C-alpha atoms as a PDB file:
ATOM      1  CA  MET A   1      24.206 -61.119  77.867  1.00  0.00           C
ATOM      2  CA  LEU A   2      20.523 -60.623  78.947  1.00  0.00           C
ATOM      3  CA  ALA A   3      18.385 -63.829  80.301  1.00  0.00           C
ATOM      4  CA  ARG A   4      15.616 -64.868  77.602  1.00  0.00           C
ATOM      5  CA  ILE A   5      12.459 -63.913  79.508  1.00  0.00           C
ATOM      6  CA  GLY A   6      10.079 -65.559  76.663  1.00  0.00           C
ATOM      7  CA  ARG A   7       8.520 -64.324  73.428  1.00  0.00           C
ATOM      8  CA  ARG A   8       5.580 -62.877  74.760  1.00  0.00           C
ATOM      9  CA  ALA A   9       7.254 -60.866  77.865  1.00  0.00           C
ATOM     10  CA  GLU A  10       9.618 -59.607  75.312  1.00  0.00           C
ATOM     11  CA  ASP A  11       6.606 -58.646  73.034  1.00  0.00           C
ATOM     12  CA  TYR A  12       5.231 -57.123  76.182  1.00  0.00           C
ATOM     13  CA  LEU A  13       8.427 -54.799  77.047  1.00  0.00           C
ATOM     14  CA  GLU A  14       8.970 -53.843  72.923  1.00  0.00           C
ATOM     15  CA  THR A  15       5.293 -52.221  73.175  1.00  0.00           C
ATOM     16  CA  ILE A  16       5.756 -50.586  76.402  1.00  0.00           C
ATOM     17  CA  HIS A  17       9.173 -49.369  75.008  1.00  0.00           C
ATOM     18  CA  GLU A  18       7.603 -48.025  71.785  1.00  0.00           C
ATOM     19  CA  LEU A  19       4.205 -46.768  73.103  1.00  0.00           C
ATOM     20  CA  SER A  20       6.143 -45.197  76.331  1.00  0.00           C
ATOM     21  CA  LYS A  21       8.918 -42.662  73.976  1.00  0.00           C
ATOM     22  CA  GLU A  22       6.570 -39.916  74.314  1.00  0.00           C
ATOM     23  CA  LYS A  23       6.067 -39.369  77.571  1.00  0.00           C
ATOM     24  CA  GLY A  24       8.020 -41.986  79.396  1.00  0.00           C
ATOM     25  CA  TYR A  25       5.349 -44.325  80.371  1.00  0.00           C
ATOM     26  CA  THR A  26       2.195 -45.819  78.933  1.00  0.00           C
ATOM     27  CA  LYS A  27      -1.550 -47.029  80.133  1.00  0.00           C
ATOM     28  CA  ILE A  28      -2.520 -50.943  80.060  1.00  0.00           C
ATOM     29  CA  LYS A  29      -5.237 -49.724  77.734  1.00  0.00           C
ATOM     30  CA  ASP A  30      -2.674 -48.521  74.902  1.00  0.00           C
ATOM     31  CA  ILE A  31      -0.765 -51.787  75.545  1.00  0.00           C
ATOM     32  CA  SER A  32      -4.178 -53.603  74.649  1.00  0.00           C
ATOM     33  CA  ALA A  33      -4.963 -51.889  71.748  1.00  0.00           C
ATOM     34  CA  LYS A  34      -1.575 -52.186  70.071  1.00  0.00           C
ATOM     35  CA  LEU A  35      -1.120 -56.120  71.373  1.00  0.00           C
ATOM     36  CA  ASN A  36      -4.892 -56.492  70.557  1.00  0.00           C
ATOM     37  CA  VAL A  37      -5.430 -58.445  73.734  1.00  0.00           C
ATOM     38  CA  LYS A  38      -7.891 -57.323  76.852  1.00  0.00           C
ATOM     39  CA  PRO A  39      -6.973 -55.502  79.139  1.00  0.00           C
ATOM     40  CA  ALA A  40      -7.140 -58.239  82.133  1.00  0.00           C
ATOM     41  CA  SER A  41      -4.371 -59.945  80.267  1.00  0.00           C
ATOM     42  CA  VAL A  42      -2.057 -57.160  79.913  1.00  0.00           C
ATOM     43  CA  SER A  43      -2.808 -56.425  83.594  1.00  0.00           C
ATOM     44  CA  GLU A  44      -1.502 -60.079  84.406  1.00  0.00           C
ATOM     45  CA  MET A  45       1.331 -59.627  82.208  1.00  0.00           C
ATOM     46  CA  VAL A  46       2.326 -56.463  83.424  1.00  0.00           C
ATOM     47  CA  SER A  47       2.077 -57.505  87.178  1.00  0.00           C
ATOM     48  CA  LYS A  48       4.503 -60.698  86.557  1.00  0.00           C
ATOM     49  CA  LEU A  49       7.008 -58.169  84.858  1.00  0.00           C
ATOM     50  CA  SER A  50       7.016 -55.826  87.441  1.00  0.00           C
ATOM     51  CA  LYS A  51       7.723 -58.565  90.130  1.00  0.00           C
ATOM     52  CA  GLN A  52      10.634 -59.883  88.289  1.00  0.00           C
ATOM     53  CA  GLY A  53      11.825 -56.322  87.788  1.00  0.00           C
ATOM     54  CA  TYR A  54      11.317 -54.995  84.312  1.00  0.00           C
ATOM     55  CA  VAL A  55       8.641 -52.744  84.630  1.00  0.00           C
ATOM     56  CA  VAL A  56       7.055 -49.925  86.812  1.00  0.00           C
ATOM     57  CA  TYR A  57       3.306 -50.434  87.563  1.00  0.00           C
ATOM     58  CA  GLY A  58       1.030 -48.201  89.247  1.00  0.00           C
ATOM     59  CA  LYS A  59      -2.096 -50.040  89.445  1.00  0.00           C
ATOM     60  CA  ARG A  60      -4.831 -48.562  87.183  1.00  0.00           C
ATOM     61  CA  LEU A  61      -2.303 -45.518  86.447  1.00  0.00           C
ATOM     62  CA  PHE A  62       0.652 -45.963  84.647  1.00  0.00           C
ATOM     63  CA  VAL A  63       3.203 -48.698  83.024  1.00  0.00           C
ATOM     64  CA  GLY A  64       6.883 -47.570  82.692  1.00  0.00           C
ATOM     65  CA  LEU A  65      10.300 -49.916  82.058  1.00  0.00           C
ATOM     66  CA  THR A  66      12.700 -50.106  84.662  1.00  0.00           C
ATOM     67  CA  PRO A  67      16.401 -49.935  83.032  1.00  0.00           C
ATOM     68  CA  LYS A  68      16.707 -53.585  83.232  1.00  0.00           C
ATOM     69  CA  GLY A  69      13.170 -54.109  80.839  1.00  0.00           C
ATOM     70  CA  ARG A  70      14.492 -51.014  78.424  1.00  0.00           C
ATOM     71  CA  GLU A  71      17.808 -52.549  77.837  1.00  0.00           C
ATOM     72  CA  VAL A  72      15.600 -56.305  77.006  1.00  0.00           C
ATOM     73  CA  ALA A  73      13.099 -54.156  74.824  1.00  0.00           C
ATOM     74  CA  GLU A  74      16.213 -52.568  72.626  1.00  0.00           C
ATOM     75  CA  SER A  75      17.968 -55.749  72.261  1.00  0.00           C
ATOM     76  CA  VAL A  76      14.660 -57.124  71.030  1.00  0.00           C
ATOM     77  CA  LYS A  77      14.136 -54.044  68.524  1.00  0.00           C
ATOM     78  CA  GLU A  78      17.878 -54.230  67.504  1.00  0.00           C
ATOM     79  CA  ARG A  79      17.407 -58.340  66.851  1.00  0.00           C
ATOM     80  CA  ARG A  80      14.579 -57.646  64.902  1.00  0.00           C
ATOM     81  CA  GLU A  81      15.941 -54.707  62.883  1.00  0.00           C
ATOM     82  CA  ILE A  82      18.917 -56.890  62.319  1.00  0.00           C
ATOM     83  CA  LEU A  83      17.009 -59.656  60.775  1.00  0.00           C
ATOM     84  CA  VAL A  84      14.545 -57.306  58.605  1.00  0.00           C
ATOM     85  CA  LYS A  85      17.944 -55.824  57.162  1.00  0.00           C
ATOM     86  CA  PHE A  86      19.352 -59.210  56.582  1.00  0.00           C
ATOM     87  CA  LEU A  87      16.141 -60.535  55.102  1.00  0.00           C
ATOM     88  CA  THR A  88      15.842 -57.657  52.928  1.00  0.00           C
ATOM     89  CA  THR A  89      19.171 -57.918  51.509  1.00  0.00           C
ATOM     90  CA  LEU A  90      18.148 -61.643  50.212  1.00  0.00           C
ATOM     91  CA  GLY A  91      15.195 -60.210  48.567  1.00  0.00           C
ATOM     92  CA  VAL A  92      12.456 -60.848  50.607  1.00  0.00           C
ATOM     93  CA  PRO A  93       9.562 -58.175  50.307  1.00  0.00           C
ATOM     94  CA  ARG A  94       9.577 -55.551  53.439  1.00  0.00           C
ATOM     95  CA  GLU A  95       6.259 -56.592  54.687  1.00  0.00           C
ATOM     96  CA  ILE A  96       7.300 -60.579  54.886  1.00  0.00           C
ATOM     97  CA  ALA A  97      10.719 -59.499  56.219  1.00  0.00           C
ATOM     98  CA  GLU A  98       9.195 -57.877  59.676  1.00  0.00           C
ATOM     99  CA  GLU A  99       6.275 -60.294  59.732  1.00  0.00           C
ATOM    100  CA  ASP A 100       9.136 -63.138  59.891  1.00  0.00           C
ATOM    101  CA  ALA A 101      11.864 -61.027  61.806  1.00  0.00           C
ATOM    102  CA  CYS A 102       9.173 -60.778  64.638  1.00  0.00           C
ATOM    103  CA  THR A 103       8.847 -64.650  64.651  1.00  0.00           C
ATOM    104  CA  ILE A 104      12.502 -65.422  64.520  1.00  0.00           C
ATOM    105  CA  GLU A 105      13.709 -62.732  66.557  1.00  0.00           C
ATOM    106  CA  HIS A 106      12.555 -64.428  69.940  1.00  0.00           C
ATOM    107  CA  VAL A 107      14.413 -67.723  69.059  1.00  0.00           C
ATOM    108  CA  LEU A 108      17.935 -66.798  67.982  1.00  0.00           C
ATOM    109  CA  ASN A 109      21.024 -67.759  69.680  1.00  0.00           C
ATOM    110  CA  PRO A 110      22.804 -64.420  70.556  1.00  0.00           C
ATOM    111  CA  GLU A 111      25.886 -65.599  68.553  1.00  0.00           C
ATOM    112  CA  THR A 112      23.826 -65.958  65.630  1.00  0.00           C
ATOM    113  CA  VAL A 113      22.579 -62.559  65.835  1.00  0.00           C
ATOM    114  CA  LYS A 114      26.213 -61.145  66.164  1.00  0.00           C
ATOM    115  CA  GLN A 115      26.913 -62.918  62.854  1.00  0.00           C
ATOM    116  CA  LEU A 116      24.035 -61.652  61.544  1.00  0.00           C
ATOM    117  CA  LYS A 117      24.836 -58.163  62.537  1.00  0.00           C
ATOM    118  CA  ASN A 118      28.255 -58.284  61.391  1.00  0.00           C
ATOM    119  CA  PHE A 119      26.891 -59.707  57.804  1.00  0.00           C
ATOM    120  CA  VAL A 120      24.633 -56.831  57.533  1.00  0.00           C
ATOM    121  CA  LYS A 121      27.362 -54.525  58.642  1.00  0.00           C
ATOM    122  CA  PHE A 122      29.763 -56.262  56.024  1.00  0.00           C
ATOM    123  CA  VAL A 123      27.060 -55.947  53.252  1.00  0.00           C
ATOM    124  CA  GLU A 124      25.967 -52.385  54.397  1.00  0.00           C
ATOM    125  CA  ASP A 125      29.767 -51.067  54.311  1.00  0.00           C
ATOM    126  CA  SER A 126      30.492 -52.487  51.243  1.00  0.00           C
ATOM    127  CA  PRO A 127      32.534 -50.045  48.745  1.00  0.00           C
ATOM    128  CA  ALA A 128      30.364 -51.140  45.526  1.00  0.00           C
ATOM    129  CA  ILE A 129      26.641 -49.864  45.697  1.00  0.00           C
ATOM    130  CA  ASN A 130      25.853 -53.372  43.931  1.00  0.00           C
ATOM    131  CA  PRO A 131      28.533 -56.113  44.878  1.00  0.00           C
ATOM    132  CA  LYS A 132      28.594 -58.493  42.202  1.00  0.00           C
ATOM    133  CA  TRP A 133      28.038 -61.278  44.331  1.00  0.00           C
ATOM    134  CA  LEU A 134      24.778 -59.887  45.622  1.00  0.00           C
ATOM    135  CA  LYS A 135      23.872 -59.494  42.145  1.00  0.00           C
ATOM    136  CA  HIS A 136      24.765 -63.237  41.232  1.00  0.00           C
ATOM    137  CA  PHE A 137      22.304 -64.223  43.782  1.00  0.00           C
ATOM    138  CA  ARG A 138      19.431 -62.345  42.962  1.00  0.00           C
ATOM    139  CA  GLU A 139      19.568 -63.703  39.278  1.00  0.00           C
ATOM    140  CA  PHE A 140      19.900 -66.873  40.623  1.00  0.00           C
ATOM    141  CA  CYS A 141      16.990 -66.611  42.736  1.00  0.00           C
ATOM    142  CA  GLN A 142      14.880 -65.271  39.512  1.00  0.00           C
ATOM    143  CA  LYS A 143      16.704 -68.174  37.123  1.00  0.00           C
ATOM    144  CA  GLY A 144      17.442 -71.011  39.767  1.00  0.00           C
ATOM    145  CA  ILE A 145      20.984 -70.988  37.707  1.00  0.00           C
ATOM    146  CA  HIS A 146      23.888 -69.448  38.866  1.00  0.00           C
ATOM    147  CA  PRO A 147      25.527 -66.811  36.436  1.00  0.00           C
ATOM    148  CA  CYS A 148      28.812 -67.931  36.761  1.00  0.00           C
ATOM    149  CA  GLU A 149      27.980 -71.722  35.889  1.00  0.00           C
ATOM    150  CA  HIS A 150      27.250 -70.388  31.991  1.00  0.00           C
ATOM    151  CA  ALA A 151      29.393 -67.522  31.645  1.00  0.00           C
ATOM    152  CA  SER A 152      31.688 -67.036  28.993  1.00  0.00           C
ATOM    153  CA  VAL A 153      33.488 -64.585  31.114  1.00  0.00           C
ATOM    154  CA  ARG A 154      35.043 -65.564  34.546  1.00  0.00           C
ATOM    155  CA  CYS A 155      33.084 -64.731  37.319  1.00  0.00           C
END
């Protein structure tokens, strides 16, 4: 299990990972623009992450992830993707789900993430395209009444 390093640090690692996909590295100014923070703040955080072994940082040159940093960045990305899938399954609009997932992803216990991942996989792998219980849930969200409460047929 990965040690938690804090929301800001995780956001930086994820951003560096995203920006460095093409070349294997990125620059302070690119991170600054993406996160909408001052370059001096980026330099300070990147220096800390470098000392902790998460990034390789050549002052005024480039920023790249170490294997340790890549592992954290990929873990954060996976948590967010699981949360977005879970929230959209519940009927949350995608834009809101992505915003909420970005906040939630940093505070969940790994056991919670594991169970959310299992649930999302279970729903995705369900044989029916629109499982009855999911349809019932969506009806409940719209009307506030469980469809089986007043159903003439057995649910």
